[in-house]
Structures are given as structure tokens and as C-alpha cells.
Amino acid sequence: MKTVTVALPGIPRPVQIFTWLLICAGLFFAYVFTFDPGLSFPGAKITDYSSQLGFASTGVRVLGSVAALLISVILNKPQWLLITLISRLVIELGDIVVGIVTGGTLTNNVMIGIIALLELWAIGKLIKES
């Protein structure tokens, strides 16, 4: 009798690793945006209410994205991760447009672009594996 090993469907290992990197980076940036924007945005002044609200709400939204990534990877749900990554990709592309329109730094736009390309790779991998 021959034994057959069947791989369990789920999130491919490279995408899992990438997702954990996004989770770690997301936790860092949630902290930065919420409590210390000067770490990533030298000269950022959060002395007025609208600036405080803008940075803090961005931190909370990043934390929400991290929660969705974490749930998707822990429960090994590729469909959930796919939807989360598509949502993140739209946000990253929007951030690039906002960065260009408002005269943001080239470094920030390039880094966001790299993340967007990696998210696009992960999306492609999840679609291909499903």
C-alpha cells in the first residue's frame, strides 16, 4: 500500500513570512503615528488638535490593518489575507498619490512603492495558489 501525503491548503510559506514582516512593521508604525510621529517624520509638529487627530487616527488604522493580517495568518485563511492585502495595496497607492501631491519626500514614496510591489507579489501568489 502506498502512502500519499497531501499538503494542506493555506497561505504559502513565503507569503506567511512576508505577512509577519508586515505585522511587525505595522506595530512599529502604529506606535510611531500614535505616540511619536517625529521618529519617522522629522520636524512633525503635533501641537494642534487636527494634527494630533490625523496622526493618531492613522496609527489606529494601521493597527486595524495589522489585526486583519494577524487574524488571517494565524487562522491560515488565504482568502482573508487576499482581501486584506488588496485593501492595503489600494491604501499604499493612495499614500503615494498623496505624497506626490503634497510634496512628500521621495524616500517615503519609494519605500511605500516597494511595499506596494511586495503586496502585489503576495496577492499574485495567493491567487495562483488558490
N, C-alpha and C. Protein backbone atom coordinates (compact mmCIF):
# COMPACT_ATOMS: atom_id res chain seq x y z
N MET A 1 0.84 -1.17 0.00
CA MET A 1 0.00 0.00 0.00
C MET A 1 0.89 1.24 0.00
N LYS A 2 0.52 2.19 -0.84
CA LYS A 2 1.31 3.40 -1.00
C LYS A 2 0.73 4.54 -0.16
N THR A 3 1.59 5.26 0.55
CA THR A 3 1.15 6.39 1.36
C THR A 3 1.23 7.66 0.53
N VAL A 4 0.17 8.42 0.54
CA VAL A 4 0.13 9.68 -0.20
C VAL A 4 0.05 10.82 0.81
N THR A 5 0.94 11.78 0.65
CA THR A 5 0.94 12.95 1.51
C THR A 5 0.27 14.08 0.76
N VAL A 6 -0.72 14.69 1.38
CA VAL A 6 -1.44 15.80 0.77
C VAL A 6 -1.13 17.06 1.56
N ALA A 7 -0.68 18.07 0.85
CA ALA A 7 -0.40 19.35 1.51
C ALA A 7 -1.72 20.03 1.86
N LEU A 8 -1.79 20.55 3.06
CA LEU A 8 -2.99 21.26 3.47
C LEU A 8 -3.05 22.60 2.75
N PRO A 9 -4.24 22.96 2.26
CA PRO A 9 -4.34 24.26 1.60
C PRO A 9 -4.16 25.37 2.64
N GLY A 10 -3.63 26.44 2.20
CA GLY A 10 -3.43 27.56 3.12
C GLY A 10 -2.54 28.61 2.50
N ILE A 11 -2.03 29.44 3.34
CA ILE A 11 -1.17 30.54 2.90
C ILE A 11 0.21 29.99 2.61
N PRO A 12 0.74 30.26 1.39
CA PRO A 12 2.09 29.78 1.07
C PRO A 12 3.13 30.36 2.05
N ARG A 13 4.14 29.57 2.38
CA ARG A 13 5.15 29.94 3.37
C ARG A 13 5.80 31.32 3.08
N PRO A 14 6.23 31.62 1.82
CA PRO A 14 6.84 32.94 1.59
C PRO A 14 5.87 34.09 1.90
N VAL A 15 4.60 33.89 1.61
CA VAL A 15 3.61 34.93 1.90
C VAL A 15 3.39 35.04 3.40
N GLN A 16 3.43 33.91 4.11
CA GLN A 16 3.32 33.96 5.57
C GLN A 16 4.47 34.78 6.17
N ILE A 17 5.67 34.53 5.70
CA ILE A 17 6.85 35.26 6.20
C ILE A 17 6.70 36.76 5.92
N PHE A 18 6.31 37.09 4.70
CA PHE A 18 6.09 38.49 4.33
C PHE A 18 5.01 39.12 5.22
N THR A 19 3.95 38.36 5.49
CA THR A 19 2.86 38.88 6.33
C THR A 19 3.36 39.17 7.74
N TRP A 20 4.19 38.28 8.30
CA TRP A 20 4.73 38.53 9.64
C TRP A 20 5.62 39.77 9.64
N LEU A 21 6.36 40.00 8.56
CA LEU A 21 7.16 41.23 8.46
C LEU A 21 6.26 42.46 8.44
N LEU A 22 5.15 42.37 7.68
CA LEU A 22 4.19 43.48 7.65
C LEU A 22 3.59 43.73 9.03
N ILE A 23 3.30 42.65 9.75
CA ILE A 23 2.74 42.78 11.10
C ILE A 23 3.72 43.50 12.02
N CYS A 24 4.97 43.09 12.00
CA CYS A 24 5.98 43.73 12.86
C CYS A 24 6.17 45.19 12.50
N ALA A 25 6.30 45.48 11.21
CA ALA A 25 6.46 46.87 10.76
C ALA A 25 5.21 47.68 11.11
N GLY A 26 4.05 47.07 10.94
CA GLY A 26 2.80 47.76 11.24
C GLY A 26 2.68 48.13 12.70
N LEU A 27 3.10 47.22 13.59
CA LEU A 27 3.06 47.54 15.02
C LEU A 27 3.97 48.72 15.34
N PHE A 28 5.16 48.72 14.72
CA PHE A 28 6.09 49.84 14.93
C PHE A 28 5.47 51.15 14.46
N PHE A 29 4.91 51.14 13.24
CA PHE A 29 4.36 52.39 12.70
C PHE A 29 3.07 52.81 13.39
N ALA A 30 2.30 51.87 13.91
CA ALA A 30 1.12 52.23 14.70
C ALA A 30 1.57 53.02 15.93
N TYR A 31 2.65 52.55 16.56
CA TYR A 31 3.21 53.26 17.71
C TYR A 31 3.71 54.65 17.29
N VAL A 32 4.48 54.69 16.20
CA VAL A 32 5.05 55.96 15.75
C VAL A 32 3.97 56.98 15.45
N PHE A 33 2.99 56.60 14.63
CA PHE A 33 1.94 57.54 14.26
C PHE A 33 1.14 57.99 15.48
N THR A 34 0.88 57.09 16.40
CA THR A 34 0.03 57.41 17.54
C THR A 34 0.77 58.20 18.62
N PHE A 35 2.02 57.83 18.89
CA PHE A 35 2.69 58.41 20.05
C PHE A 35 3.93 59.25 19.75
N ASP A 36 4.62 59.02 18.63
CA ASP A 36 5.87 59.75 18.38
C ASP A 36 6.13 59.92 16.89
N PRO A 37 5.32 60.73 16.19
CA PRO A 37 5.48 60.89 14.74
C PRO A 37 6.86 61.43 14.33
N GLY A 38 7.53 62.10 15.23
CA GLY A 38 8.85 62.65 14.92
C GLY A 38 9.88 61.57 14.57
N LEU A 39 9.65 60.33 15.00
CA LEU A 39 10.57 59.25 14.65
C LEU A 39 10.66 59.02 13.15
N SER A 40 9.53 59.12 12.47
CA SER A 40 9.52 58.89 11.02
C SER A 40 9.36 60.18 10.23
N PHE A 41 8.87 61.21 10.88
CA PHE A 41 8.65 62.48 10.20
C PHE A 41 9.36 63.58 10.95
N PRO A 42 10.67 63.73 10.70
CA PRO A 42 11.42 64.77 11.42
C PRO A 42 10.77 66.13 11.24
N GLY A 43 10.64 66.83 12.32
CA GLY A 43 10.04 68.16 12.27
C GLY A 43 8.53 68.15 12.37
N ALA A 44 7.93 66.97 12.48
CA ALA A 44 6.47 66.90 12.60
C ALA A 44 6.05 67.58 13.90
N LYS A 45 5.10 68.48 13.77
CA LYS A 45 4.61 69.18 14.95
C LYS A 45 3.16 68.74 15.17
N ILE A 46 2.92 68.18 16.31
CA ILE A 46 1.57 67.73 16.62
C ILE A 46 1.03 68.52 17.81
N THR A 47 1.09 69.83 17.69
CA THR A 47 0.67 70.68 18.79
C THR A 47 -0.80 71.07 18.69
N ASP A 48 -1.38 71.01 17.49
CA ASP A 48 -2.80 71.37 17.38
C ASP A 48 -3.66 70.11 17.25
N TYR A 49 -4.93 70.28 17.53
CA TYR A 49 -5.86 69.15 17.59
C TYR A 49 -5.93 68.39 16.26
N SER A 50 -6.02 69.09 15.14
CA SER A 50 -6.18 68.40 13.86
C SER A 50 -4.95 67.56 13.52
N SER A 51 -3.77 68.03 13.85
CA SER A 51 -2.56 67.24 13.63
C SER A 51 -2.54 66.01 14.53
N GLN A 52 -2.88 66.20 15.79
CA GLN A 52 -2.93 65.07 16.72
C GLN A 52 -3.95 64.03 16.25
N LEU A 53 -5.11 64.51 15.84
CA LEU A 53 -6.16 63.60 15.36
C LEU A 53 -5.70 62.87 14.11
N GLY A 54 -5.07 63.58 13.19
CA GLY A 54 -4.60 62.95 11.94
C GLY A 54 -3.59 61.86 12.20
N PHE A 55 -2.58 62.15 13.00
CA PHE A 55 -1.56 61.14 13.28
C PHE A 55 -2.13 59.97 14.09
N ALA A 56 -2.90 60.28 15.13
CA ALA A 56 -3.45 59.22 15.98
C ALA A 56 -4.41 58.33 15.21
N SER A 57 -5.27 58.92 14.38
CA SER A 57 -6.23 58.09 13.64
C SER A 57 -5.51 57.25 12.58
N THR A 58 -4.42 57.75 12.04
CA THR A 58 -3.62 56.94 11.12
C THR A 58 -3.02 55.75 11.85
N GLY A 59 -2.53 55.99 13.06
CA GLY A 59 -2.00 54.90 13.88
C GLY A 59 -3.03 53.83 14.17
N VAL A 60 -4.24 54.26 14.48
CA VAL A 60 -5.32 53.32 14.76
C VAL A 60 -5.68 52.52 13.50
N ARG A 61 -5.70 53.17 12.35
CA ARG A 61 -6.00 52.48 11.10
C ARG A 61 -4.90 51.47 10.74
N VAL A 62 -3.66 51.83 11.00
CA VAL A 62 -2.57 50.89 10.79
C VAL A 62 -2.74 49.68 11.71
N LEU A 63 -3.11 49.94 12.94
CA LEU A 63 -3.34 48.85 13.90
C LEU A 63 -4.49 47.95 13.44
N GLY A 64 -5.53 48.52 12.85
CA GLY A 64 -6.62 47.72 12.31
C GLY A 64 -6.16 46.82 11.19
N SER A 65 -5.29 47.34 10.33
CA SER A 65 -4.73 46.53 9.24
C SER A 65 -3.86 45.40 9.80
N VAL A 66 -3.09 45.71 10.82
CA VAL A 66 -2.26 44.69 11.48
C VAL A 66 -3.14 43.59 12.07
N ALA A 67 -4.24 43.97 12.69
CA ALA A 67 -5.16 42.98 13.27
C ALA A 67 -5.70 42.05 12.18
N ALA A 68 -6.09 42.62 11.04
CA ALA A 68 -6.60 41.80 9.93
C ALA A 68 -5.52 40.85 9.41
N LEU A 69 -4.29 41.34 9.27
CA LEU A 69 -3.19 40.48 8.83
C LEU A 69 -2.96 39.35 9.84
N LEU A 70 -2.93 39.71 11.12
CA LEU A 70 -2.67 38.74 12.19
C LEU A 70 -3.74 37.64 12.22
N ILE A 71 -4.98 38.03 12.17
CA ILE A 71 -6.07 37.05 12.18
C ILE A 71 -5.98 36.13 10.96
N SER A 72 -5.72 36.72 9.79
CA SER A 72 -5.64 35.94 8.56
C SER A 72 -4.52 34.90 8.62
N VAL A 73 -3.35 35.29 9.11
CA VAL A 73 -2.21 34.38 9.11
C VAL A 73 -2.31 33.35 10.24
N ILE A 74 -2.81 33.75 11.39
CA ILE A 74 -2.95 32.79 12.49
C ILE A 74 -3.99 31.72 12.15
N LEU A 75 -5.09 32.13 11.55
CA LEU A 75 -6.13 31.18 11.18
C LEU A 75 -5.86 30.50 9.83
N ASN A 76 -4.76 30.89 9.18
CA ASN A 76 -4.35 30.31 7.90
C ASN A 76 -5.47 30.40 6.86
N LYS A 77 -6.00 31.60 6.70
CA LYS A 77 -7.09 31.86 5.77
C LYS A 77 -6.60 32.69 4.59
N PRO A 78 -6.20 32.04 3.49
CA PRO A 78 -5.66 32.78 2.35
C PRO A 78 -6.64 33.77 1.74
N GLN A 79 -7.93 33.44 1.75
CA GLN A 79 -8.92 34.36 1.17
C GLN A 79 -9.00 35.65 1.99
N TRP A 80 -8.96 35.51 3.31
CA TRP A 80 -8.99 36.69 4.17
C TRP A 80 -7.75 37.55 3.95
N LEU A 81 -6.60 36.87 3.85
CA LEU A 81 -5.35 37.60 3.63
C LEU A 81 -5.37 38.30 2.28
N LEU A 82 -5.92 37.65 1.27
CA LEU A 82 -6.01 38.24 -0.06
C LEU A 82 -6.79 39.55 -0.02
N ILE A 83 -7.94 39.54 0.63
CA ILE A 83 -8.76 40.75 0.73
C ILE A 83 -8.03 41.83 1.51
N THR A 84 -7.37 41.45 2.59
CA THR A 84 -6.61 42.41 3.40
C THR A 84 -5.49 43.04 2.59
N LEU A 85 -4.75 42.22 1.83
CA LEU A 85 -3.64 42.74 1.03
C LEU A 85 -4.14 43.64 -0.10
N ILE A 86 -5.27 43.30 -0.71
CA ILE A 86 -5.83 44.16 -1.76
C ILE A 86 -6.19 45.52 -1.17
N SER A 87 -6.81 45.49 0.00
CA SER A 87 -7.16 46.74 0.69
C SER A 87 -5.91 47.55 1.00
N ARG A 88 -4.87 46.90 1.50
CA ARG A 88 -3.62 47.58 1.81
C ARG A 88 -2.98 48.15 0.55
N LEU A 89 -3.04 47.42 -0.55
CA LEU A 89 -2.46 47.89 -1.81
C LEU A 89 -3.14 49.19 -2.25
N VAL A 90 -4.46 49.24 -2.15
CA VAL A 90 -5.19 50.47 -2.50
C VAL A 90 -4.74 51.62 -1.61
N ILE A 91 -4.59 51.34 -0.31
CA ILE A 91 -4.14 52.37 0.63
C ILE A 91 -2.72 52.84 0.28
N GLU A 92 -1.83 51.89 -0.01
CA GLU A 92 -0.44 52.26 -0.35
C GLU A 92 -0.41 53.15 -1.60
N LEU A 93 -1.18 52.77 -2.61
CA LEU A 93 -1.22 53.57 -3.84
C LEU A 93 -1.78 54.96 -3.55
N GLY A 94 -2.80 55.03 -2.70
CA GLY A 94 -3.33 56.33 -2.29
C GLY A 94 -2.31 57.16 -1.54
N ASP A 95 -1.53 56.51 -0.69
CA ASP A 95 -0.47 57.22 0.05
C ASP A 95 0.58 57.79 -0.90
N ILE A 96 0.90 57.05 -1.95
CA ILE A 96 1.87 57.55 -2.92
C ILE A 96 1.32 58.79 -3.63
N VAL A 97 0.06 58.73 -4.04
CA VAL A 97 -0.56 59.89 -4.71
C VAL A 97 -0.58 61.08 -3.77
N VAL A 98 -0.98 60.87 -2.52
CA VAL A 98 -1.00 61.96 -1.54
C VAL A 98 0.41 62.50 -1.34
N GLY A 99 1.40 61.62 -1.25
CA GLY A 99 2.79 62.04 -1.08
C GLY A 99 3.28 62.90 -2.23
N ILE A 100 2.90 62.53 -3.44
CA ILE A 100 3.31 63.31 -4.62
C ILE A 100 2.61 64.66 -4.64
N VAL A 101 1.30 64.66 -4.41
CA VAL A 101 0.51 65.89 -4.46
C VAL A 101 0.92 66.88 -3.38
N THR A 102 1.25 66.37 -2.20
CA THR A 102 1.59 67.27 -1.09
C THR A 102 3.08 67.56 -0.97
N GLY A 103 3.87 67.07 -1.91
CA GLY A 103 5.30 67.32 -1.87
C GLY A 103 6.03 66.50 -0.84
N GLY A 104 5.55 65.27 -0.60
CA GLY A 104 6.20 64.38 0.36
C GLY A 104 7.60 64.00 -0.10
N THR A 105 8.33 63.35 0.77
CA THR A 105 9.71 63.01 0.45
C THR A 105 9.77 61.85 -0.54
N LEU A 106 10.76 61.89 -1.38
CA LEU A 106 10.96 60.83 -2.37
C LEU A 106 11.22 59.49 -1.67
N THR A 107 12.00 59.52 -0.61
CA THR A 107 12.32 58.29 0.13
C THR A 107 11.05 57.60 0.63
N ASN A 108 10.15 58.39 1.20
CA ASN A 108 8.90 57.83 1.71
C ASN A 108 8.08 57.21 0.58
N ASN A 109 7.97 57.92 -0.54
CA ASN A 109 7.20 57.40 -1.67
C ASN A 109 7.83 56.14 -2.25
N VAL A 110 9.13 56.09 -2.33
CA VAL A 110 9.82 54.90 -2.84
C VAL A 110 9.60 53.72 -1.91
N MET A 111 9.72 53.94 -0.61
CA MET A 111 9.51 52.85 0.35
C MET A 111 8.08 52.32 0.29
N ILE A 112 7.12 53.23 0.20
CA ILE A 112 5.72 52.80 0.07
C ILE A 112 5.53 52.03 -1.24
N GLY A 113 6.19 52.49 -2.29
CA GLY A 113 6.12 51.80 -3.59
C GLY A 113 6.68 50.39 -3.51
N ILE A 114 7.77 50.22 -2.80
CA ILE A 114 8.37 48.89 -2.63
C ILE A 114 7.41 47.98 -1.86
N ILE A 115 6.81 48.51 -0.81
CA ILE A 115 5.83 47.72 -0.04
C ILE A 115 4.66 47.34 -0.94
N ALA A 116 4.19 48.29 -1.73
CA ALA A 116 3.06 48.02 -2.65
C ALA A 116 3.42 46.92 -3.65
N LEU A 117 4.64 46.97 -4.19
CA LEU A 117 5.06 45.92 -5.13
C LEU A 117 5.12 44.55 -4.45
N LEU A 118 5.63 44.52 -3.22
CA LEU A 118 5.67 43.26 -2.47
C LEU A 118 4.27 42.75 -2.15
N GLU A 119 3.37 43.67 -1.83
CA GLU A 119 1.98 43.26 -1.60
C GLU A 119 1.35 42.73 -2.88
N LEU A 120 1.67 43.35 -4.00
CA LEU A 120 1.18 42.87 -5.29
C LEU A 120 1.72 41.47 -5.57
N TRP A 121 2.99 41.23 -5.26
CA TRP A 121 3.58 39.89 -5.41
C TRP A 121 2.82 38.88 -4.56
N ALA A 122 2.55 39.23 -3.29
CA ALA A 122 1.84 38.32 -2.38
C ALA A 122 0.42 38.05 -2.88
N ILE A 123 -0.24 39.07 -3.40
CA ILE A 123 -1.58 38.91 -3.96
C ILE A 123 -1.53 37.92 -5.13
N GLY A 124 -0.56 38.11 -6.01
CA GLY A 124 -0.41 37.20 -7.15
C GLY A 124 -0.17 35.77 -6.71
N LYS A 125 0.68 35.60 -5.70
CA LYS A 125 1.00 34.27 -5.18
C LYS A 125 -0.25 33.62 -4.57
N LEU A 126 -1.03 34.39 -3.84
CA LEU A 126 -2.25 33.85 -3.23
C LEU A 126 -3.27 33.46 -4.30
N ILE A 127 -3.40 34.27 -5.33
CA ILE A 127 -4.33 33.95 -6.42
C ILE A 127 -3.86 32.70 -7.17
N LYS A 128 -2.57 32.62 -7.44
CA LYS A 128 -2.02 31.48 -8.17
C LYS A 128 -2.18 30.17 -7.38
N GLU A 129 -2.01 30.25 -6.06
CA GLU A 129 -2.07 29.04 -5.23
C GLU A 129 -3.51 28.61 -4.91
N SER A 130 -4.47 29.49 -5.16
CA SER A 130 -5.86 29.12 -4.80
C SER A 130 -6.55 28.34 -5.88
